[in-house]
Amino acid sequence: MSDGDEKYWYNLQTGQVEFGMISASADRVGPFDTEHEAAHAPEKLKERSRAWAEEEAAENGWDAGTGKAAE
């Protein structure tokens, strides 16, 4: 049994939390230590995506909100 079998996952297709690697890897995100963390996966993904986009925009000298070069 791998570590993922003892963790929680969020199924992107069903919106359900699963214990263990039940669904196909393309359909799930994780692993998470608790069911609560897995249940809030969509919010965490949005936060991380926003942070990465802002970081990338800053590194490239672009305004993340408009796609225009910063003045």
N, C-alpha and C. Protein backbone atom coordinates (compact mmCIF):
# COMPACT_ATOMS: atom_id res chain seq x y z
N MET A 1 0.84 -1.18 0.00
CA MET A 1 0.00 0.00 0.00
C MET A 1 0.89 1.25 0.00
N SER A 2 0.63 2.18 -0.89
CA SER A 2 1.41 3.40 -0.96
C SER A 2 0.83 4.46 -0.02
N ASP A 3 1.59 5.55 0.19
CA ASP A 3 1.12 6.63 1.05
C ASP A 3 -0.22 7.20 0.59
N GLY A 4 -0.43 7.26 -0.72
CA GLY A 4 -1.67 7.82 -1.25
C GLY A 4 -2.90 7.04 -0.87
N ASP A 5 -2.71 5.76 -0.54
CA ASP A 5 -3.84 4.94 -0.13
C ASP A 5 -4.34 5.30 1.26
N GLU A 6 -3.53 6.00 2.02
CA GLU A 6 -3.86 6.39 3.38
C GLU A 6 -4.15 7.90 3.49
N LYS A 7 -4.47 8.53 2.38
CA LYS A 7 -4.72 9.97 2.33
C LYS A 7 -6.08 10.23 1.69
N TYR A 8 -6.49 11.49 1.79
CA TYR A 8 -7.75 11.93 1.18
C TYR A 8 -7.46 12.62 -0.14
N TRP A 9 -8.38 12.47 -1.07
CA TRP A 9 -8.27 13.04 -2.41
C TRP A 9 -9.58 13.74 -2.74
N TYR A 10 -9.50 14.74 -3.60
CA TYR A 10 -10.69 15.42 -4.09
C TYR A 10 -10.91 15.01 -5.53
N ASN A 11 -12.07 14.47 -5.83
CA ASN A 11 -12.40 14.04 -7.18
C ASN A 11 -12.98 15.23 -7.95
N LEU A 12 -12.27 15.67 -8.98
CA LEU A 12 -12.68 16.83 -9.77
C LEU A 12 -13.95 16.57 -10.59
N GLN A 13 -14.20 15.34 -10.94
CA GLN A 13 -15.38 15.01 -11.74
C GLN A 13 -16.65 14.96 -10.91
N THR A 14 -16.55 14.38 -9.72
CA THR A 14 -17.75 14.20 -8.89
C THR A 14 -17.90 15.26 -7.81
N GLY A 15 -16.79 15.94 -7.46
CA GLY A 15 -16.83 16.91 -6.37
C GLY A 15 -16.85 16.24 -5.01
N GLN A 16 -16.52 14.97 -4.96
CA GLN A 16 -16.54 14.20 -3.72
C GLN A 16 -15.14 13.99 -3.18
N VAL A 17 -15.04 13.86 -1.86
CA VAL A 17 -13.79 13.50 -1.20
C VAL A 17 -13.72 11.98 -1.15
N GLU A 18 -12.55 11.45 -1.45
CA GLU A 18 -12.34 10.00 -1.44
C GLU A 18 -11.17 9.68 -0.53
N PHE A 19 -11.24 8.56 0.15
CA PHE A 19 -10.13 8.08 0.97
C PHE A 19 -9.41 7.01 0.19
N GLY A 20 -8.15 7.27 -0.11
CA GLY A 20 -7.37 6.34 -0.94
C GLY A 20 -7.47 6.73 -2.40
N MET A 21 -6.62 6.11 -3.19
CA MET A 21 -6.56 6.43 -4.62
C MET A 21 -7.60 5.59 -5.38
N ILE A 22 -8.84 6.00 -5.26
CA ILE A 22 -9.96 5.26 -5.85
C ILE A 22 -10.13 5.61 -7.32
N SER A 23 -10.18 6.88 -7.61
CA SER A 23 -10.44 7.36 -8.98
C SER A 23 -9.15 7.44 -9.79
N ALA A 24 -9.32 7.59 -11.09
CA ALA A 24 -8.17 7.76 -11.99
C ALA A 24 -7.42 9.03 -11.60
N SER A 25 -6.10 9.01 -11.76
CA SER A 25 -5.28 10.15 -11.35
C SER A 25 -5.66 11.44 -12.06
N ALA A 26 -6.16 11.35 -13.28
CA ALA A 26 -6.56 12.54 -14.03
C ALA A 26 -7.80 13.21 -13.41
N ASP A 27 -8.54 12.48 -12.61
CA ASP A 27 -9.79 12.99 -12.03
C ASP A 27 -9.65 13.46 -10.59
N ARG A 28 -8.46 13.32 -9.99
CA ARG A 28 -8.35 13.66 -8.57
C ARG A 28 -7.15 14.55 -8.30
N VAL A 29 -7.25 15.32 -7.21
CA VAL A 29 -6.15 16.15 -6.73
C VAL A 29 -5.90 15.80 -5.28
N GLY A 30 -4.66 15.95 -4.89
CA GLY A 30 -4.26 15.63 -3.54
C GLY A 30 -2.86 15.07 -3.56
N PRO A 31 -2.45 14.45 -2.55
CA PRO A 31 -3.24 14.00 -1.40
C PRO A 31 -3.36 15.07 -0.32
N PHE A 32 -4.34 14.87 0.55
CA PHE A 32 -4.57 15.74 1.70
C PHE A 32 -4.57 14.87 2.95
N ASP A 33 -4.13 15.46 4.05
CA ASP A 33 -4.06 14.71 5.30
C ASP A 33 -5.42 14.50 5.94
N THR A 34 -6.34 15.45 5.72
CA THR A 34 -7.65 15.33 6.35
C THR A 34 -8.77 15.44 5.31
N GLU A 35 -9.91 14.94 5.68
CA GLU A 35 -11.09 15.03 4.82
C GLU A 35 -11.48 16.49 4.62
N HIS A 36 -11.34 17.30 5.67
CA HIS A 36 -11.66 18.72 5.61
C HIS A 36 -10.80 19.44 4.59
N GLU A 37 -9.49 19.18 4.60
CA GLU A 37 -8.58 19.80 3.63
C GLU A 37 -8.97 19.40 2.21
N ALA A 38 -9.28 18.14 2.01
CA ALA A 38 -9.66 17.66 0.67
C ALA A 38 -10.96 18.30 0.21
N ALA A 39 -11.89 18.49 1.12
CA ALA A 39 -13.18 19.09 0.77
C ALA A 39 -13.01 20.54 0.29
N HIS A 40 -11.95 21.20 0.74
CA HIS A 40 -11.70 22.59 0.35
C HIS A 40 -10.66 22.71 -0.76
N ALA A 41 -10.44 21.63 -1.48
CA ALA A 41 -9.46 21.62 -2.57
C ALA A 41 -9.76 22.66 -3.65
N PRO A 42 -11.00 22.84 -4.08
CA PRO A 42 -11.24 23.84 -5.14
C PRO A 42 -10.80 25.24 -4.74
N GLU A 43 -11.06 25.63 -3.49
CA GLU A 43 -10.63 26.95 -3.03
C GLU A 43 -9.12 27.06 -3.02
N LYS A 44 -8.45 26.00 -2.55
CA LYS A 44 -6.99 25.99 -2.48
C LYS A 44 -6.40 26.07 -3.88
N LEU A 45 -6.99 25.37 -4.84
CA LEU A 45 -6.50 25.42 -6.22
C LEU A 45 -6.64 26.82 -6.80
N LYS A 46 -7.75 27.48 -6.52
CA LYS A 46 -7.95 28.85 -7.00
C LYS A 46 -6.93 29.80 -6.39
N GLU A 47 -6.69 29.66 -5.09
CA GLU A 47 -5.71 30.52 -4.40
C GLU A 47 -4.33 30.35 -5.00
N ARG A 48 -3.92 29.10 -5.17
CA ARG A 48 -2.58 28.82 -5.71
C ARG A 48 -2.46 29.30 -7.15
N SER A 49 -3.49 29.08 -7.94
CA SER A 49 -3.47 29.52 -9.33
C SER A 49 -3.33 31.03 -9.42
N ARG A 50 -4.09 31.74 -8.60
CA ARG A 50 -4.03 33.20 -8.57
C ARG A 50 -2.63 33.67 -8.16
N ALA A 51 -2.08 33.05 -7.13
CA ALA A 51 -0.74 33.43 -6.65
C ALA A 51 0.32 33.17 -7.71
N TRP A 52 0.23 32.03 -8.39
CA TRP A 52 1.20 31.71 -9.44
C TRP A 52 1.09 32.70 -10.59
N ALA A 53 -0.13 33.06 -10.97
CA ALA A 53 -0.33 34.02 -12.06
C ALA A 53 0.23 35.38 -11.70
N GLU A 54 -0.01 35.81 -10.46
CA GLU A 54 0.53 37.10 -10.02
C GLU A 54 2.05 37.09 -9.97
N GLU A 55 2.62 35.98 -9.50
CA GLU A 55 4.07 35.85 -9.44
C GLU A 55 4.68 35.87 -10.83
N GLU A 56 4.06 35.13 -11.73
CA GLU A 56 4.55 35.09 -13.11
C GLU A 56 4.44 36.46 -13.77
N ALA A 57 3.34 37.16 -13.52
CA ALA A 57 3.14 38.49 -14.09
C ALA A 57 4.20 39.45 -13.57
N ALA A 58 4.49 39.36 -12.27
CA ALA A 58 5.50 40.23 -11.69
C ALA A 58 6.88 39.93 -12.27
N GLU A 59 7.19 38.67 -12.45
CA GLU A 59 8.49 38.28 -13.01
C GLU A 59 8.64 38.75 -14.45
N ASN A 60 7.52 38.78 -15.17
CA ASN A 60 7.56 39.15 -16.58
C ASN A 60 7.30 40.64 -16.81
N GLY A 61 7.04 41.37 -15.73
CA GLY A 61 6.79 42.80 -15.85
C GLY A 61 5.45 43.14 -16.44
N TRP A 62 4.47 42.24 -16.27
CA TRP A 62 3.13 42.46 -16.80
C TRP A 62 2.17 42.67 -15.66
N ASP A 63 1.16 43.47 -15.93
CA ASP A 63 0.08 43.65 -14.96
C ASP A 63 -0.84 42.45 -15.08
N ALA A 64 -0.97 41.66 -14.01
CA ALA A 64 -1.75 40.42 -14.04
C ALA A 64 -3.22 40.65 -14.38
N GLY A 65 -3.76 41.84 -14.04
CA GLY A 65 -5.18 42.09 -14.26
C GLY A 65 -5.54 42.46 -15.68
N THR A 66 -4.64 43.09 -16.42
CA THR A 66 -5.01 43.60 -17.73
C THR A 66 -4.22 42.99 -18.87
N GLY A 67 -3.09 42.37 -18.55
CA GLY A 67 -2.25 41.83 -19.60
C GLY A 67 -1.41 42.89 -20.29
N LYS A 68 -1.41 44.12 -19.73
CA LYS A 68 -0.63 45.20 -20.29
C LYS A 68 0.68 45.33 -19.52
N ALA A 69 1.68 45.82 -20.18
CA ALA A 69 2.96 46.02 -19.52
C ALA A 69 2.82 47.08 -18.44
N ALA A 70 3.48 46.84 -17.31
CA ALA A 70 3.47 47.80 -16.23
C ALA A 70 4.29 49.03 -16.62
N GLU A 71 3.82 50.19 -16.21
CA GLU A 71 4.52 51.43 -16.56
C GLU A 71 5.39 51.89 -15.43
